[in-house]
Amino acid sequence: MSELNEPLEALLDLLDLERIEQDIFRGVSRTAVVPRVFGGQVAAQALVAAGRTVPEDRGAHSLHAYFLRPGDPGAPIVYQVDRIRDGRSFTTRRVVAIQHGQPIFHLSASFQAAEEGLEHQEPMPQAPDPETLPEAAELLPAHADKFPDPSVIDRLLEARAAVDLRYVEDPPFLTAGTAREPRSQVWFRTRGKLADDPLLHVCLATYVSDMTLLDSVLLAHGRGGWAVGDVVGASLDHAMWFHRPFRADEWLLYDQQSPSASGGRGLASARIYTQDGRLAVSVIQEGLVRTPRT
């Protein structure tokens, strides 16, 4: 594993929020593929804010969030943390992200002291070795003709500069017009070794979890996505459960599928596995998925 590259250092700086009061934090944004704050960024920053008010021996085990308004990437985001409960085993926090005086995002997160208990898990699905799959820098420029706006390639590459994200099969923006099974797999890891802080790895997985989760919805209908321009949409709500320890700087398999789409919304569920087959995270998200109005 290489040392940190500049984009990964910038991402870690993005997650290193400024504490401006005991339970109030401030963060900045980075450019995204779409002209608003990337949902994974605000979710990860909100989890950082919550985690910094929790004892270090309690790890995040779940989060539930709503995206309320598009974020302005040119303005700072203020995160207000409410200490809902501090129990003997569990700690609960609520976080509201505010811009221009209005809430743009709401997060509830729960943390738990480590304990032993019953164990079982859904087996890891089959997937090829990530090292055999093309990197984004190989895949995207080779298919520039798929995008109406060529500058999208640079924005997509910039969004993946800190995280090595590799598709097992062609992503929806390369197969627009052909409906497929509503299932998608990607491998991902950060492009450099990280510190051992468990909260950092959980927050980075939260950041990445919003990158490709709705792909499975698009695949079912042969849509290419926002970069192609045949749908418009945004994340509506997002939930994650962290089952077992993992490292975001080691390969993780993100296995995603969509059980339903209706009413202009698409639902996606996913599992994140370590390379040795341990189920680390479960994810569910509903997103706004609309065909553009003519």
C-alpha atoms as a PDB file:
ATOM      1  CA  MET A   1       0.000   0.000   0.000  1.00  0.00           C
ATOM      2  CA  SER A   2       1.380   3.377  -1.042  1.00  0.00           C
ATOM      3  CA  GLU A   3       1.714   6.514   1.055  1.00  0.00           C
ATOM      4  CA  LEU A   4      -1.139   9.024   0.982  1.00  0.00           C
ATOM      5  CA  ASN A   5      -1.620  10.786  -2.337  1.00  0.00           C
ATOM      6  CA  GLU A   6      -2.669  14.433  -2.482  1.00  0.00           C
ATOM      7  CA  PRO A   7      -6.373  13.760  -3.194  1.00  0.00           C
ATOM      8  CA  LEU A   8      -6.581  11.362  -0.228  1.00  0.00           C
ATOM      9  CA  GLU A   9      -4.856  13.906   2.019  1.00  0.00           C
ATOM     10  CA  ALA A  10      -7.411  16.482   0.832  1.00  0.00           C
ATOM     11  CA  LEU A  11     -10.265  14.075   1.621  1.00  0.00           C
ATOM     12  CA  LEU A  12      -8.889  13.439   5.116  1.00  0.00           C
ATOM     13  CA  ASP A  13      -8.609  17.204   5.641  1.00  0.00           C
ATOM     14  CA  LEU A  14     -12.255  17.463   4.529  1.00  0.00           C
ATOM     15  CA  LEU A  15     -13.256  15.030   7.282  1.00  0.00           C
ATOM     16  CA  ASP A  16     -11.157  16.794   9.930  1.00  0.00           C
ATOM     17  CA  LEU A  17     -13.880  19.186  11.040  1.00  0.00           C
ATOM     18  CA  GLU A  18     -13.215  22.414  12.913  1.00  0.00           C
ATOM     19  CA  ARG A  19     -14.724  22.445  16.399  1.00  0.00           C
ATOM     20  CA  ILE A  20     -16.203  25.904  16.939  1.00  0.00           C
ATOM     21  CA  GLU A  21     -18.090  25.092  20.179  1.00  0.00           C
ATOM     22  CA  GLN A  22     -18.371  22.017  22.392  1.00  0.00           C
ATOM     23  CA  ASP A  23     -20.938  20.260  20.171  1.00  0.00           C
ATOM     24  CA  ILE A  24     -20.784  22.450  17.063  1.00  0.00           C
ATOM     25  CA  PHE A  25     -18.447  21.768  14.151  1.00  0.00           C
ATOM     26  CA  ARG A  26     -17.743  23.365  10.801  1.00  0.00           C
ATOM     27  CA  GLY A  27     -16.752  21.684   7.551  1.00  0.00           C
ATOM     28  CA  VAL A  28     -16.005  22.716   3.995  1.00  0.00           C
ATOM     29  CA  SER A  29     -16.845  20.969   0.712  1.00  0.00           C
ATOM     30  CA  ARG A  30     -15.110  19.722  -2.383  1.00  0.00           C
ATOM     31  CA  THR A  31     -16.288  19.840  -5.978  1.00  0.00           C
ATOM     32  CA  ALA A  32     -18.518  16.976  -7.088  1.00  0.00           C
ATOM     33  CA  VAL A  33     -19.728  15.456 -10.344  1.00  0.00           C
ATOM     34  CA  VAL A  34     -23.029  17.321  -9.878  1.00  0.00           C
ATOM     35  CA  PRO A  35     -23.295  21.026  -8.882  1.00  0.00           C
ATOM     36  CA  ARG A  36     -24.153  20.379  -5.236  1.00  0.00           C
ATOM     37  CA  VAL A  37     -22.469  18.931  -2.164  1.00  0.00           C
ATOM     38  CA  PHE A  38     -21.843  15.197  -2.597  1.00  0.00           C
ATOM     39  CA  GLY A  39     -24.184  13.303  -0.280  1.00  0.00           C
ATOM     40  CA  GLY A  40     -21.483  10.916   0.904  1.00  0.00           C
ATOM     41  CA  GLN A  41     -19.412  13.885   2.028  1.00  0.00           C
ATOM     42  CA  VAL A  42     -22.077  15.450   4.232  1.00  0.00           C
ATOM     43  CA  ALA A  43     -22.979  12.030   5.682  1.00  0.00           C
ATOM     44  CA  ALA A  44     -19.347  11.276   6.510  1.00  0.00           C
ATOM     45  CA  GLN A  45     -18.765  14.714   8.026  1.00  0.00           C
ATOM     46  CA  ALA A  46     -21.913  14.420  10.141  1.00  0.00           C
ATOM     47  CA  LEU A  47     -20.716  11.041  11.433  1.00  0.00           C
ATOM     48  CA  VAL A  48     -17.332  12.592  12.264  1.00  0.00           C
ATOM     49  CA  ALA A  49     -19.123  15.310  14.246  1.00  0.00           C
ATOM     50  CA  ALA A  50     -21.193  12.738  16.136  1.00  0.00           C
ATOM     51  CA  GLY A  51     -18.189  10.501  16.793  1.00  0.00           C
ATOM     52  CA  ARG A  52     -16.158  13.322  18.307  1.00  0.00           C
ATOM     53  CA  THR A  53     -18.686  13.639  21.119  1.00  0.00           C
ATOM     54  CA  VAL A  54     -18.618   9.918  21.980  1.00  0.00           C
ATOM     55  CA  PRO A  55     -16.111   8.001  24.193  1.00  0.00           C
ATOM     56  CA  GLU A  56     -13.354   6.393  22.122  1.00  0.00           C
ATOM     57  CA  ASP A  57     -14.245   2.892  23.314  1.00  0.00           C
ATOM     58  CA  ARG A  58     -17.653   3.074  21.599  1.00  0.00           C
ATOM     59  CA  GLY A  59     -17.727   2.366  17.891  1.00  0.00           C
ATOM     60  CA  ALA A  60     -20.427   3.409  15.438  1.00  0.00           C
ATOM     61  CA  HIS A  61     -22.847   0.577  14.776  1.00  0.00           C
ATOM     62  CA  SER A  62     -25.596   2.325  12.790  1.00  0.00           C
ATOM     63  CA  LEU A  63     -26.698   5.555  11.166  1.00  0.00           C
ATOM     64  CA  HIS A  64     -29.963   6.761   9.672  1.00  0.00           C
ATOM     65  CA  ALA A  65     -30.048   9.940   7.632  1.00  0.00           C
ATOM     66  CA  TYR A  66     -32.221  12.173   5.473  1.00  0.00           C
ATOM     67  CA  PHE A  67     -31.000  14.506   2.741  1.00  0.00           C
ATOM     68  CA  LEU A  68     -33.250  17.568   3.095  1.00  0.00           C
ATOM     69  CA  ARG A  69     -31.881  20.177   0.684  1.00  0.00           C
ATOM     70  CA  PRO A  70     -29.091  20.358  -1.919  1.00  0.00           C
ATOM     71  CA  GLY A  71     -25.894  21.584  -0.305  1.00  0.00           C
ATOM     72  CA  ASP A  72     -23.993  24.617  -1.584  1.00  0.00           C
ATOM     73  CA  PRO A  73     -20.372  23.533  -2.251  1.00  0.00           C
ATOM     74  CA  GLY A  74     -19.208  27.142  -1.993  1.00  0.00           C
ATOM     75  CA  ALA A  75     -20.357  27.668   1.589  1.00  0.00           C
ATOM     76  CA  PRO A  76     -19.246  26.068   4.880  1.00  0.00           C
ATOM     77  CA  ILE A  77     -21.513  23.536   6.589  1.00  0.00           C
ATOM     78  CA  VAL A  78     -22.221  23.801  10.320  1.00  0.00           C
ATOM     79  CA  TYR A  79     -22.902  20.539  12.170  1.00  0.00           C
ATOM     80  CA  GLN A  80     -24.855  20.777  15.432  1.00  0.00           C
ATOM     81  CA  VAL A  81     -24.712  17.665  17.620  1.00  0.00           C
ATOM     82  CA  ASP A  82     -27.390  16.788  20.171  1.00  0.00           C
ATOM     83  CA  ARG A  83     -26.375  14.317  22.891  1.00  0.00           C
ATOM     84  CA  ILE A  84     -29.574  12.288  22.903  1.00  0.00           C
ATOM     85  CA  ARG A  85     -28.479   9.485  25.241  1.00  0.00           C
ATOM     86  CA  ASP A  86     -25.420   8.145  27.022  1.00  0.00           C
ATOM     87  CA  GLY A  87     -26.275   4.679  28.322  1.00  0.00           C
ATOM     88  CA  ARG A  88     -24.169   1.913  29.826  1.00  0.00           C
ATOM     89  CA  SER A  89     -23.796   0.136  26.464  1.00  0.00           C
ATOM     90  CA  PHE A  90     -25.119   2.529  23.805  1.00  0.00           C
ATOM     91  CA  THR A  91     -24.634   6.188  22.968  1.00  0.00           C
ATOM     92  CA  THR A  92     -27.009   8.043  20.636  1.00  0.00           C
ATOM     93  CA  ARG A  93     -26.367  11.294  18.807  1.00  0.00           C
ATOM     94  CA  ARG A  94     -28.413  13.471  16.478  1.00  0.00           C
ATOM     95  CA  VAL A  95     -26.694  15.792  14.009  1.00  0.00           C
ATOM     96  CA  VAL A  96     -28.198  18.578  11.901  1.00  0.00           C
ATOM     97  CA  ALA A  97     -26.143  20.025   9.043  1.00  0.00           C
ATOM     98  CA  ILE A  98     -26.950  23.689   8.386  1.00  0.00           C
ATOM     99  CA  GLN A  99     -26.177  26.028   5.502  1.00  0.00           C
ATOM    100  CA  HIS A 100     -27.469  29.556   4.944  1.00  0.00           C
ATOM    101  CA  GLY A 101     -29.568  29.197   8.100  1.00  0.00           C
ATOM    102  CA  GLN A 102     -31.439  26.111   6.907  1.00  0.00           C
ATOM    103  CA  PRO A 103     -31.009  22.389   7.650  1.00  0.00           C
ATOM    104  CA  ILE A 104     -29.766  20.448   4.620  1.00  0.00           C
ATOM    105  CA  PHE A 105     -29.178  17.059   6.261  1.00  0.00           C
ATOM    106  CA  HIS A 106     -30.232  15.151   9.369  1.00  0.00           C
ATOM    107  CA  LEU A 107     -28.390  12.195  10.912  1.00  0.00           C
ATOM    108  CA  SER A 108     -29.083   9.898  13.832  1.00  0.00           C
ATOM    109  CA  ALA A 109     -26.160   7.686  14.828  1.00  0.00           C
ATOM    110  CA  SER A 110     -25.728   5.034  17.494  1.00  0.00           C
ATOM    111  CA  PHE A 111     -22.482   3.869  19.087  1.00  0.00           C
ATOM    112  CA  GLN A 112     -21.877   0.765  21.198  1.00  0.00           C
ATOM    113  CA  ALA A 113     -19.249  -0.498  23.601  1.00  0.00           C
ATOM    114  CA  ALA A 114     -17.639  -3.704  22.292  1.00  0.00           C
ATOM    115  CA  GLU A 115     -19.216  -6.934  23.501  1.00  0.00           C
ATOM    116  CA  GLU A 116     -19.466 -10.609  22.573  1.00  0.00           C
ATOM    117  CA  GLY A 117     -22.666 -12.146  21.202  1.00  0.00           C
ATOM    118  CA  LEU A 118     -24.274 -14.535  18.726  1.00  0.00           C
ATOM    119  CA  GLU A 119     -22.576 -14.670  15.314  1.00  0.00           C
ATOM    120  CA  HIS A 120     -23.779 -15.463  11.794  1.00  0.00           C
ATOM    121  CA  GLN A 121     -23.647 -13.720   8.433  1.00  0.00           C
ATOM    122  CA  GLU A 122     -24.815 -13.895   4.849  1.00  0.00           C
ATOM    123  CA  PRO A 123     -22.027 -15.480   2.744  1.00  0.00           C
ATOM    124  CA  MET A 124     -19.942 -13.275   0.487  1.00  0.00           C
ATOM    125  CA  PRO A 125     -21.000 -13.500  -3.183  1.00  0.00           C
ATOM    126  CA  GLN A 126     -18.519 -14.474  -5.848  1.00  0.00           C
ATOM    127  CA  ALA A 127     -16.462 -11.667  -7.347  1.00  0.00           C
ATOM    128  CA  PRO A 128     -13.211 -11.483  -9.336  1.00  0.00           C
ATOM    129  CA  ASP A 129      -9.924 -10.376  -7.792  1.00  0.00           C
ATOM    130  CA  PRO A 130      -9.955  -6.547  -7.716  1.00  0.00           C
ATOM    131  CA  GLU A 131      -6.390  -6.407  -9.033  1.00  0.00           C
ATOM    132  CA  THR A 132      -7.628  -7.920 -12.325  1.00  0.00           C
ATOM    133  CA  LEU A 133     -10.147  -5.103 -12.920  1.00  0.00           C
ATOM    134  CA  PRO A 134      -9.432  -1.769 -14.672  1.00  0.00           C
ATOM    135  CA  GLU A 135      -8.928   1.410 -12.680  1.00  0.00           C
ATOM    136  CA  ALA A 136     -11.078   4.467 -13.395  1.00  0.00           C
ATOM    137  CA  ALA A 137      -8.165   6.122 -15.215  1.00  0.00           C
ATOM    138  CA  GLU A 138      -8.199   3.229 -17.699  1.00  0.00           C
ATOM    139  CA  LEU A 139     -11.955   2.716 -17.950  1.00  0.00           C
ATOM    140  CA  LEU A 140     -13.383   6.212 -18.280  1.00  0.00           C
ATOM    141  CA  PRO A 141     -11.190   7.864 -20.959  1.00  0.00           C
ATOM    142  CA  ALA A 142     -11.648   4.793 -23.175  1.00  0.00           C
ATOM    143  CA  HIS A 143     -15.390   5.507 -23.275  1.00  0.00           C
ATOM    144  CA  ALA A 144     -15.476   9.292 -23.582  1.00  0.00           C
ATOM    145  CA  ASP A 145     -17.988   9.001 -26.439  1.00  0.00           C
ATOM    146  CA  LYS A 146     -20.656   7.825 -23.977  1.00  0.00           C
ATOM    147  CA  PHE A 147     -20.858  11.253 -22.306  1.00  0.00           C
ATOM    148  CA  PRO A 148     -22.567  14.273 -23.921  1.00  0.00           C
ATOM    149  CA  ASP A 149     -20.246  16.583 -21.971  1.00  0.00           C
ATOM    150  CA  PRO A 150     -16.570  15.478 -22.223  1.00  0.00           C
ATOM    151  CA  SER A 151     -15.693  17.429 -19.064  1.00  0.00           C
ATOM    152  CA  VAL A 152     -17.672  14.854 -17.071  1.00  0.00           C
ATOM    153  CA  ILE A 153     -14.721  12.461 -17.477  1.00  0.00           C
ATOM    154  CA  ASP A 154     -12.431  14.828 -15.566  1.00  0.00           C
ATOM    155  CA  ARG A 155     -15.021  15.333 -12.815  1.00  0.00           C
ATOM    156  CA  LEU A 156     -15.550  11.589 -12.440  1.00  0.00           C
ATOM    157  CA  LEU A 157     -11.791  10.981 -12.284  1.00  0.00           C
ATOM    158  CA  GLU A 158     -11.392  13.753  -9.705  1.00  0.00           C
ATOM    159  CA  ALA A 159     -14.165  12.190  -7.580  1.00  0.00           C
ATOM    160  CA  ARG A 160     -12.254   8.876  -7.646  1.00  0.00           C
ATOM    161  CA  ALA A 161      -8.765  10.268  -7.134  1.00  0.00           C
ATOM    162  CA  ALA A 162      -8.695   9.504  -3.391  1.00  0.00           C
ATOM    163  CA  VAL A 163     -10.443   6.132  -3.659  1.00  0.00           C
ATOM    164  CA  ASP A 164      -9.570   3.296  -6.020  1.00  0.00           C
ATOM    165  CA  LEU A 165     -13.015   2.150  -7.161  1.00  0.00           C
ATOM    166  CA  ARG A 166     -13.210  -0.718  -9.665  1.00  0.00           C
ATOM    167  CA  TYR A 167     -16.370  -2.020 -11.330  1.00  0.00           C
ATOM    168  CA  VAL A 168     -16.818  -5.778 -11.650  1.00  0.00           C
ATOM    169  CA  GLU A 169     -19.068  -5.248 -14.704  1.00  0.00           C
ATOM    170  CA  ASP A 170     -19.647  -2.184 -16.880  1.00  0.00           C
ATOM    171  CA  PRO A 171     -21.265   0.653 -14.914  1.00  0.00           C
ATOM    172  CA  PRO A 172     -24.622   2.014 -16.117  1.00  0.00           C
ATOM    173  CA  PHE A 173     -23.105   5.008 -17.890  1.00  0.00           C
ATOM    174  CA  LEU A 174     -21.341   2.624 -20.289  1.00  0.00           C
ATOM    175  CA  THR A 175     -24.385   0.450 -21.067  1.00  0.00           C
ATOM    176  CA  ALA A 176     -27.190   3.030 -21.367  1.00  0.00           C
ATOM    177  CA  GLY A 177     -30.062   1.730 -23.475  1.00  0.00           C
ATOM    178  CA  THR A 178     -29.679  -1.889 -22.380  1.00  0.00           C
ATOM    179  CA  ALA A 179     -31.617  -3.094 -19.347  1.00  0.00           C
ATOM    180  CA  ARG A 180     -29.796  -5.573 -17.091  1.00  0.00           C
ATOM    181  CA  GLU A 181     -30.283  -7.380 -13.819  1.00  0.00           C
ATOM    182  CA  PRO A 182     -30.564  -4.735 -11.083  1.00  0.00           C
ATOM    183  CA  ARG A 183     -27.307  -5.705  -9.426  1.00  0.00           C
ATOM    184  CA  SER A 184     -23.904  -4.068  -9.364  1.00  0.00           C
ATOM    185  CA  GLN A 185     -20.567  -4.857  -7.699  1.00  0.00           C
ATOM    186  CA  VAL A 186     -17.552  -2.647  -7.113  1.00  0.00           C
ATOM    187  CA  TRP A 187     -14.342  -3.091  -5.168  1.00  0.00           C
ATOM    188  CA  PHE A 188     -12.938  -0.059  -3.381  1.00  0.00           C
ATOM    189  CA  ARG A 189     -10.157   1.064  -1.058  1.00  0.00           C
ATOM    190  CA  THR A 190      -8.395   4.339  -0.330  1.00  0.00           C
ATOM    191  CA  ARG A 191      -5.298   5.170  -2.332  1.00  0.00           C
ATOM    192  CA  GLY A 192      -2.951   5.028   0.622  1.00  0.00           C
ATOM    193  CA  LYS A 193      -2.486   3.666   4.126  1.00  0.00           C
ATOM    194  CA  LEU A 194      -4.648   5.184   6.854  1.00  0.00           C
ATOM    195  CA  ALA A 195      -4.268   5.640  10.595  1.00  0.00           C
ATOM    196  CA  ASP A 196      -5.769   2.968  12.846  1.00  0.00           C
ATOM    197  CA  ASP A 197      -8.661   5.134  14.102  1.00  0.00           C
ATOM    198  CA  PRO A 198     -11.810   2.952  13.624  1.00  0.00           C
ATOM    199  CA  LEU A 199     -14.061   6.019  13.270  1.00  0.00           C
ATOM    200  CA  LEU A 200     -11.984   7.205  10.314  1.00  0.00           C
ATOM    201  CA  HIS A 201     -12.478   3.913   8.451  1.00  0.00           C
ATOM    202  CA  VAL A 202     -16.214   3.918   9.166  1.00  0.00           C
ATOM    203  CA  CYS A 203     -16.538   7.517   7.944  1.00  0.00           C
ATOM    204  CA  LEU A 204     -14.612   6.784   4.740  1.00  0.00           C
ATOM    205  CA  ALA A 205     -16.865   3.798   4.019  1.00  0.00           C
ATOM    206  CA  THR A 206     -19.840   6.108   4.587  1.00  0.00           C
ATOM    207  CA  TYR A 207     -18.339   8.566   2.098  1.00  0.00           C
ATOM    208  CA  VAL A 208     -17.892   5.906  -0.597  1.00  0.00           C
ATOM    209  CA  SER A 209     -21.245   4.237   0.048  1.00  0.00           C
ATOM    210  CA  ASP A 210     -23.118   7.055  -1.731  1.00  0.00           C
ATOM    211  CA  MET A 211     -21.012   6.904  -4.910  1.00  0.00           C
ATOM    212  CA  THR A 212     -22.569   3.926  -6.693  1.00  0.00           C
ATOM    213  CA  LEU A 213     -25.500   2.645  -4.631  1.00  0.00           C
ATOM    214  CA  LEU A 214     -28.260   3.728  -7.018  1.00  0.00           C
ATOM    215  CA  ASP A 215     -26.492   2.158 -10.021  1.00  0.00           C
ATOM    216  CA  SER A 216     -28.552  -0.991  -9.554  1.00  0.00           C
ATOM    217  CA  VAL A 217     -31.765   1.028  -9.997  1.00  0.00           C
ATOM    218  CA  LEU A 218     -30.465   2.466 -13.262  1.00  0.00           C
ATOM    219  CA  LEU A 219     -29.378  -0.909 -14.607  1.00  0.00           C
ATOM    220  CA  ALA A 220     -32.901  -2.331 -14.324  1.00  0.00           C
ATOM    221  CA  HIS A 221     -34.146   0.313 -16.771  1.00  0.00           C
ATOM    222  CA  GLY A 222     -31.166   0.721 -19.079  1.00  0.00           C
ATOM    223  CA  ARG A 223     -30.471   4.225 -17.841  1.00  0.00           C
ATOM    224  CA  GLY A 224     -26.984   5.678 -17.863  1.00  0.00           C
ATOM    225  CA  GLY A 225     -27.365   8.113 -14.999  1.00  0.00           C
ATOM    226  CA  TRP A 226     -26.760  11.764 -14.232  1.00  0.00           C
ATOM    227  CA  ALA A 227     -23.451  11.877 -16.133  1.00  0.00           C
ATOM    228  CA  VAL A 228     -25.170  10.642 -19.300  1.00  0.00           C
ATOM    229  CA  GLY A 229     -28.203  12.858 -18.769  1.00  0.00           C
ATOM    230  CA  ASP A 230     -31.025  10.329 -19.141  1.00  0.00           C
ATOM    231  CA  VAL A 231     -32.139  10.630 -15.486  1.00  0.00           C
ATOM    232  CA  VAL A 232     -32.123  13.291 -12.812  1.00  0.00           C
ATOM    233  CA  GLY A 233     -32.110  12.511  -9.145  1.00  0.00           C
ATOM    234  CA  ALA A 234     -30.582  12.698  -5.705  1.00  0.00           C
ATOM    235  CA  SER A 235     -30.226  10.677  -2.525  1.00  0.00           C
ATOM    236  CA  LEU A 236     -33.272  10.935  -0.257  1.00  0.00           C
ATOM    237  CA  ASP A 237     -32.397   8.834   2.771  1.00  0.00           C
ATOM    238  CA  HIS A 238     -29.541   6.555   3.751  1.00  0.00           C
ATOM    239  CA  ALA A 239     -29.018   3.916   6.437  1.00  0.00           C
ATOM    240  CA  MET A 240     -25.962   1.873   7.396  1.00  0.00           C
ATOM    241  CA  TRP A 241     -25.219  -0.838   9.946  1.00  0.00           C
ATOM    242  CA  PHE A 242     -21.604  -1.562  10.843  1.00  0.00           C
ATOM    243  CA  HIS A 243     -21.343  -5.228  11.824  1.00  0.00           C
ATOM    244  CA  ARG A 244     -17.631  -6.034  12.077  1.00  0.00           C
ATOM    245  CA  PRO A 245     -14.330  -4.137  12.077  1.00  0.00           C
ATOM    246  CA  PHE A 246     -12.793  -3.348   8.694  1.00  0.00           C
ATOM    247  CA  ARG A 247     -10.212  -1.090   7.110  1.00  0.00           C
ATOM    248  CA  ALA A 248     -11.095   1.313   4.300  1.00  0.00           C
ATOM    249  CA  ASP A 249      -7.493   1.111   3.021  1.00  0.00           C
ATOM    250  CA  GLU A 250      -7.934  -2.602   2.251  1.00  0.00           C
ATOM    251  CA  TRP A 251     -10.110  -3.979  -0.546  1.00  0.00           C
ATOM    252  CA  LEU A 252     -13.844  -4.025   0.229  1.00  0.00           C
ATOM    253  CA  LEU A 253     -16.512  -5.558  -2.021  1.00  0.00           C
ATOM    254  CA  TYR A 254     -19.643  -3.417  -2.381  1.00  0.00           C
ATOM    255  CA  ASP A 255     -22.421  -5.752  -3.550  1.00  0.00           C
ATOM    256  CA  GLN A 256     -25.517  -3.716  -4.512  1.00  0.00           C
ATOM    257  CA  GLN A 257     -29.003  -4.544  -5.774  1.00  0.00           C
ATOM    258  CA  SER A 258     -32.381  -2.862  -6.255  1.00  0.00           C
ATOM    259  CA  PRO A 259     -35.582  -4.586  -5.121  1.00  0.00           C
ATOM    260  CA  SER A 260     -37.965  -1.835  -6.261  1.00  0.00           C
ATOM    261  CA  ALA A 261     -38.516   1.434  -8.103  1.00  0.00           C
ATOM    262  CA  SER A 262     -41.796   3.368  -8.104  1.00  0.00           C
ATOM    263  CA  GLY A 263     -43.229   6.842  -7.686  1.00  0.00           C
ATOM    264  CA  GLY A 264     -40.079   8.532  -9.004  1.00  0.00           C
ATOM    265  CA  ARG A 265     -37.999   6.788  -6.337  1.00  0.00           C
ATOM    266  CA  GLY A 266     -35.595   3.849  -6.470  1.00  0.00           C
ATOM    267  CA  LEU A 267     -34.580   1.640  -3.563  1.00  0.00           C
ATOM    268  CA  ALA A 268     -31.149   0.021  -3.319  1.00  0.00           C
ATOM    269  CA  SER A 269     -29.686  -2.301  -0.707  1.00  0.00           C
ATOM    270  CA  ALA A 270     -26.102  -3.458  -0.376  1.00  0.00           C
ATOM    271  CA  ARG A 271     -23.565  -5.419   1.615  1.00  0.00           C
ATOM    272  CA  ILE A 272     -19.905  -4.509   2.091  1.00  0.00           C
ATOM    273  CA  TYR A 273     -17.519  -7.438   2.580  1.00  0.00           C
ATOM    274  CA  THR A 274     -13.848  -7.591   3.459  1.00  0.00           C
ATOM    275  CA  GLN A 275     -11.671  -9.421   0.939  1.00  0.00           C
ATOM    276  CA  ASP A 276     -11.477 -12.447   3.243  1.00  0.00           C
ATOM    277  CA  GLY A 277     -15.292 -12.759   3.258  1.00  0.00           C
ATOM    278  CA  ARG A 278     -16.450 -11.047   6.478  1.00  0.00           C
ATOM    279  CA  LEU A 279     -19.713  -9.087   6.228  1.00  0.00           C
ATOM    280  CA  ALA A 280     -18.684  -5.640   7.463  1.00  0.00           C
ATOM    281  CA  VAL A 281     -21.541  -3.266   6.594  1.00  0.00           C
ATOM    282  CA  SER A 282     -25.167  -3.334   5.409  1.00  0.00           C
ATOM    283  CA  VAL A 283     -26.543  -0.325   3.497  1.00  0.00           C
ATOM    284  CA  ILE A 284     -29.980   0.777   2.295  1.00  0.00           C
ATOM    285  CA  GLN A 285     -30.787   3.939   0.375  1.00  0.00           C
ATOM    286  CA  GLU A 286     -33.779   5.395  -1.429  1.00  0.00           C
ATOM    287  CA  GLY A 287     -33.100   7.966  -4.094  1.00  0.00           C
ATOM    288  CA  LEU A 288     -35.059  10.287  -6.343  1.00  0.00           C
ATOM    289  CA  VAL A 289     -34.802   8.842  -9.869  1.00  0.00           C
ATOM    290  CA  ARG A 290     -36.752  10.761 -12.539  1.00  0.00           C
ATOM    291  CA  THR A 291     -36.632  10.822 -16.313  1.00  0.00           C
ATOM    292  CA  PRO A 292     -35.876  14.349 -17.560  1.00  0.00           C
ATOM    293  CA  ARG A 293     -38.892  16.429 -18.531  1.00  0.00           C
ATOM    294  CA  THR A 294     -38.908  17.486 -22.178  1.00  0.00           C
END
